[in-house]
C-alpha cells in the first residue's frame, strides 16, 4: 500500500507528462503558412505583407489580405500569417523592397526563454526523482 504523499507525487508526475504532451503536440498561436522564399518576395512586391519578424534565418509575418496556400492541390487553406526561411545567399534587394512597400520590420534573437525551456523539460524529471525518493521512504 502506498502512502498518501506517494499519490500526490504520482499525480503531479502524470500531470506534468500530460502538460508536456499537450505543449509539444498542439500548435500554439495562429496557424501560419510555411511558404517558399520566392512566394514571400512575390507577396512583398505585390504589397500584401504588413509586418515581418526575423529570428535568425526565419522570417514570420502577416499578410494584408489572406493568401491561399498551397496555390493548388487538395490541402489548400487561407492564411493570414506566414513563415519562410532566408536563402543561404544574401538578398541585397529585400530590405529596400520592404521599406518601399512600408513593411514593419522586427528582429528577435534566436532562442527562446531559457527559463521556460528549463522548466518544461526538467519538471517531469524532478517529479520522477521526488516520486522515487517518496517510494524509497515507503520501503524503509
C-alpha atoms as a PDB file:
ATOM      1  CA  UNK A   1       0.000   0.000   0.000  1.00  0.00           C
ATOM      2  CA  UNK A   2       1.371   3.396  -0.952  1.00  0.00           C
ATOM      3  CA  UNK A   3       1.442   6.344   1.398  1.00  0.00           C
ATOM      4  CA  UNK A   4      -0.649   9.447   0.720  1.00  0.00           C
ATOM      5  CA  UNK A   5       2.436  11.504  -0.241  1.00  0.00           C
ATOM      6  CA  UNK A   6       3.263   8.983  -2.948  1.00  0.00           C
ATOM      7  CA  UNK A   7      -0.120   9.502  -4.593  1.00  0.00           C
ATOM      8  CA  UNK A   8       0.483  13.246  -4.664  1.00  0.00           C
ATOM      9  CA  UNK A   9       3.855  12.791  -6.367  1.00  0.00           C
ATOM     10  CA  UNK A  10       2.369  10.301  -8.796  1.00  0.00           C
ATOM     11  CA  UNK A  11      -0.482  12.673  -9.657  1.00  0.00           C
ATOM     12  CA  UNK A  12       1.987  15.542 -10.184  1.00  0.00           C
ATOM     13  CA  UNK A  13       4.120  13.343 -12.444  1.00  0.00           C
ATOM     14  CA  UNK A  14       1.118  12.361 -14.557  1.00  0.00           C
ATOM     15  CA  UNK A  15       0.012  15.999 -14.730  1.00  0.00           C
ATOM     16  CA  UNK A  16       3.484  17.098 -15.857  1.00  0.00           C
ATOM     17  CA  UNK A  17       3.598  14.390 -18.525  1.00  0.00           C
ATOM     18  CA  UNK A  18       0.158  15.345 -19.846  1.00  0.00           C
ATOM     19  CA  UNK A  19       1.223  19.016 -19.920  1.00  0.00           C
ATOM     20  CA  UNK A  20       4.364  18.133 -21.906  1.00  0.00           C
ATOM     21  CA  UNK A  21       2.394  16.079 -24.392  1.00  0.00           C
ATOM     22  CA  UNK A  22      -0.130  18.863 -24.926  1.00  0.00           C
ATOM     23  CA  UNK A  23       2.597  21.517 -25.107  1.00  0.00           C
ATOM     24  CA  UNK A  24       4.525  19.757 -27.861  1.00  0.00           C
ATOM     25  CA  UNK A  25       1.660  18.129 -29.769  1.00  0.00           C
ATOM     26  CA  UNK A  26      -0.681  21.065 -30.302  1.00  0.00           C
ATOM     27  CA  UNK A  27       0.351  24.278 -32.031  1.00  0.00           C
ATOM     28  CA  UNK A  28       0.313  27.500 -30.085  1.00  0.00           C
ATOM     29  CA  UNK A  29      -0.927  30.715 -31.607  1.00  0.00           C
ATOM     30  CA  UNK A  30      -2.358  31.311 -35.050  1.00  0.00           C
ATOM     31  CA  UNK A  31      -1.701  28.873 -37.878  1.00  0.00           C
ATOM     32  CA  UNK A  32       0.933  30.061 -40.323  1.00  0.00           C
ATOM     33  CA  UNK A  33       1.567  29.045 -43.905  1.00  0.00           C
ATOM     34  CA  UNK A  34       5.115  27.782 -44.451  1.00  0.00           C
ATOM     35  CA  UNK A  35       5.768  29.387 -47.830  1.00  0.00           C
ATOM     36  CA  UNK A  36       8.794  29.384 -50.134  1.00  0.00           C
ATOM     37  CA  UNK A  37      11.039  32.445 -50.045  1.00  0.00           C
ATOM     38  CA  UNK A  38      10.122  33.277 -53.654  1.00  0.00           C
ATOM     39  CA  UNK A  39       6.419  33.391 -52.718  1.00  0.00           C
ATOM     40  CA  UNK A  40       7.279  35.693 -49.821  1.00  0.00           C
ATOM     41  CA  UNK A  41       9.160  38.007 -52.214  1.00  0.00           C
ATOM     42  CA  UNK A  42       6.198  37.985 -54.626  1.00  0.00           C
ATOM     43  CA  UNK A  43       3.786  38.902 -51.807  1.00  0.00           C
ATOM     44  CA  UNK A  44       6.057  41.756 -50.662  1.00  0.00           C
ATOM     45  CA  UNK A  45       6.332  43.055 -54.243  1.00  0.00           C
ATOM     46  CA  UNK A  46       2.535  42.902 -54.544  1.00  0.00           C
ATOM     47  CA  UNK A  47       2.202  44.976 -51.357  1.00  0.00           C
ATOM     48  CA  UNK A  48       0.443  42.172 -49.472  1.00  0.00           C
ATOM     49  CA  UNK A  49       2.803  41.974 -46.454  1.00  0.00           C
ATOM     50  CA  UNK A  50       2.218  44.293 -43.471  1.00  0.00           C
ATOM     51  CA  UNK A  51       4.856  43.169 -40.986  1.00  0.00           C
ATOM     52  CA  UNK A  52       7.725  40.718 -40.615  1.00  0.00           C
ATOM     53  CA  UNK A  53       9.773  39.452 -37.693  1.00  0.00           C
ATOM     54  CA  UNK A  54      13.140  37.855 -38.356  1.00  0.00           C
ATOM     55  CA  UNK A  55      14.685  35.348 -35.981  1.00  0.00           C
ATOM     56  CA  UNK A  56      17.961  34.024 -37.324  1.00  0.00           C
ATOM     57  CA  UNK A  57      17.203  32.749 -40.825  1.00  0.00           C
ATOM     58  CA  UNK A  58      13.443  32.501 -40.200  1.00  0.00           C
ATOM     59  CA  UNK A  59      11.007  35.182 -41.295  1.00  0.00           C
ATOM     60  CA  UNK A  60       7.491  35.261 -39.842  1.00  0.00           C
ATOM     61  CA  UNK A  61       4.931  37.814 -40.865  1.00  0.00           C
ATOM     62  CA  UNK A  62       1.390  38.843 -41.669  1.00  0.00           C
ATOM     63  CA  UNK A  63      -0.396  39.344 -44.950  1.00  0.00           C
ATOM     64  CA  UNK A  64      -2.696  42.327 -45.589  1.00  0.00           C
ATOM     65  CA  UNK A  65      -5.163  40.009 -47.316  1.00  0.00           C
ATOM     66  CA  UNK A  66      -5.221  36.264 -46.561  1.00  0.00           C
ATOM     67  CA  UNK A  67      -3.391  34.055 -49.037  1.00  0.00           C
ATOM     68  CA  UNK A  68      -4.495  30.592 -50.129  1.00  0.00           C
ATOM     69  CA  UNK A  69      -1.671  28.115 -49.726  1.00  0.00           C
ATOM     70  CA  UNK A  70      -0.659  25.880 -51.371  1.00  0.00           C
ATOM     71  CA  UNK A  71      -1.741  27.582 -54.558  1.00  0.00           C
ATOM     72  CA  UNK A  72      -3.076  24.303 -55.974  1.00  0.00           C
ATOM     73  CA  UNK A  73      -3.928  20.847 -54.699  1.00  0.00           C
ATOM     74  CA  UNK A  74      -6.198  19.274 -52.116  1.00  0.00           C
ATOM     75  CA  UNK A  75      -4.756  20.784 -48.920  1.00  0.00           C
ATOM     76  CA  UNK A  76      -5.471  24.423 -49.692  1.00  0.00           C
ATOM     77  CA  UNK A  77      -6.226  26.760 -46.812  1.00  0.00           C
ATOM     78  CA  UNK A  78      -6.426  30.514 -46.351  1.00  0.00           C
ATOM     79  CA  UNK A  79      -3.694  32.009 -44.153  1.00  0.00           C
ATOM     80  CA  UNK A  80      -3.313  35.490 -42.686  1.00  0.00           C
ATOM     81  CA  UNK A  81       0.213  34.757 -41.379  1.00  0.00           C
ATOM     82  CA  UNK A  82       3.258  33.027 -42.799  1.00  0.00           C
ATOM     83  CA  UNK A  83       6.768  31.775 -42.153  1.00  0.00           C
ATOM     84  CA  UNK A  84       9.620  31.341 -44.570  1.00  0.00           C
ATOM     85  CA  UNK A  85      13.380  30.912 -44.435  1.00  0.00           C
ATOM     86  CA  UNK A  86      16.104  33.131 -45.821  1.00  0.00           C
ATOM     87  CA  UNK A  87      18.237  31.511 -48.514  1.00  0.00           C
ATOM     88  CA  UNK A  88      21.910  30.980 -47.670  1.00  0.00           C
ATOM     89  CA  UNK A  89      22.915  33.826 -50.016  1.00  0.00           C
ATOM     90  CA  UNK A  90      22.339  37.491 -49.212  1.00  0.00           C
ATOM     91  CA  UNK A  91      19.343  39.134 -50.882  1.00  0.00           C
ATOM     92  CA  UNK A  92      20.521  42.741 -51.244  1.00  0.00           C
ATOM     93  CA  UNK A  93      17.200  43.845 -52.753  1.00  0.00           C
ATOM     94  CA  UNK A  94      14.946  42.626 -49.951  1.00  0.00           C
ATOM     95  CA  UNK A  95      15.438  45.420 -47.398  1.00  0.00           C
ATOM     96  CA  UNK A  96      14.866  48.260 -49.899  1.00  0.00           C
ATOM     97  CA  UNK A  97      11.783  46.441 -51.211  1.00  0.00           C
ATOM     98  CA  UNK A  98      10.381  46.022 -47.682  1.00  0.00           C
ATOM     99  CA  UNK A  99      10.979  49.706 -46.922  1.00  0.00           C
ATOM    100  CA  UNK A 100       9.472  50.803 -50.233  1.00  0.00           C
ATOM    101  CA  UNK A 101       6.312  48.789 -49.527  1.00  0.00           C
ATOM    102  CA  UNK A 102       6.023  50.137 -45.958  1.00  0.00           C
ATOM    103  CA  UNK A 103       6.501  46.765 -44.255  1.00  0.00           C
ATOM    104  CA  UNK A 104       7.169  46.961 -40.499  1.00  0.00           C
ATOM    105  CA  UNK A 105      10.425  45.094 -39.790  1.00  0.00           C
ATOM    106  CA  UNK A 106      11.106  43.485 -36.400  1.00  0.00           C
ATOM    107  CA  UNK A 107      14.076  41.405 -35.318  1.00  0.00           C
ATOM    108  CA  UNK A 108      14.431  38.911 -32.468  1.00  0.00           C
ATOM    109  CA  UNK A 109      17.370  36.998 -31.112  1.00  0.00           C
ATOM    110  CA  UNK A 110      17.471  33.285 -31.752  1.00  0.00           C
ATOM    111  CA  UNK A 111      16.409  31.012 -28.938  1.00  0.00           C
ATOM    112  CA  UNK A 112      13.540  31.225 -26.524  1.00  0.00           C
ATOM    113  CA  UNK A 113      13.385  31.881 -22.846  1.00  0.00           C
ATOM    114  CA  UNK A 114      15.838  29.505 -21.240  1.00  0.00           C
ATOM    115  CA  UNK A 115      13.828  29.534 -18.029  1.00  0.00           C
ATOM    116  CA  UNK A 116      10.649  28.257 -19.689  1.00  0.00           C
ATOM    117  CA  UNK A 117      12.596  25.628 -21.643  1.00  0.00           C
ATOM    118  CA  UNK A 118      14.306  24.503 -18.452  1.00  0.00           C
ATOM    119  CA  UNK A 119      11.061  24.264 -16.513  1.00  0.00           C
ATOM    120  CA  UNK A 120       9.187  22.430 -19.240  1.00  0.00           C
ATOM    121  CA  UNK A 121      11.950  19.919 -19.789  1.00  0.00           C
ATOM    122  CA  UNK A 122      13.074  19.427 -16.187  1.00  0.00           C
ATOM    123  CA  UNK A 123       9.758  19.303 -14.285  1.00  0.00           C
ATOM    124  CA  UNK A 124       8.940  15.703 -15.229  1.00  0.00           C
ATOM    125  CA  UNK A 125      12.427  14.631 -14.171  1.00  0.00           C
ATOM    126  CA  UNK A 126      12.130  16.459 -10.856  1.00  0.00           C
ATOM    127  CA  UNK A 127       8.725  14.900 -10.215  1.00  0.00           C
ATOM    128  CA  UNK A 128      10.126  11.477 -11.043  1.00  0.00           C
ATOM    129  CA  UNK A 129      13.029  11.985  -8.622  1.00  0.00           C
ATOM    130  CA  UNK A 130      10.577  13.102  -5.935  1.00  0.00           C
ATOM    131  CA  UNK A 131       8.411  10.051  -6.606  1.00  0.00           C
ATOM    132  CA  UNK A 132      11.418   7.750  -6.321  1.00  0.00           C
ATOM    133  CA  UNK A 133      12.503   9.413  -3.056  1.00  0.00           C
ATOM    134  CA  UNK A 134       8.985   9.010  -1.685  1.00  0.00           C
ATOM    135  CA  UNK A 135       8.867   5.362  -2.755  1.00  0.00           C
ATOM    136  CA  UNK A 136      12.261   4.769  -1.092  1.00  0.00           C
ATOM    137  CA  UNK A 137      10.852   6.202   2.154  1.00  0.00           C
ATOM    138  CA  UNK A 138       7.861   3.863   1.888  1.00  0.00           C
ATOM    139  CA  UNK A 139      10.093   0.794   1.539  1.00  0.00           C
ATOM    140  CA  UNK A 140      12.154   1.537   4.643  1.00  0.00           C
END
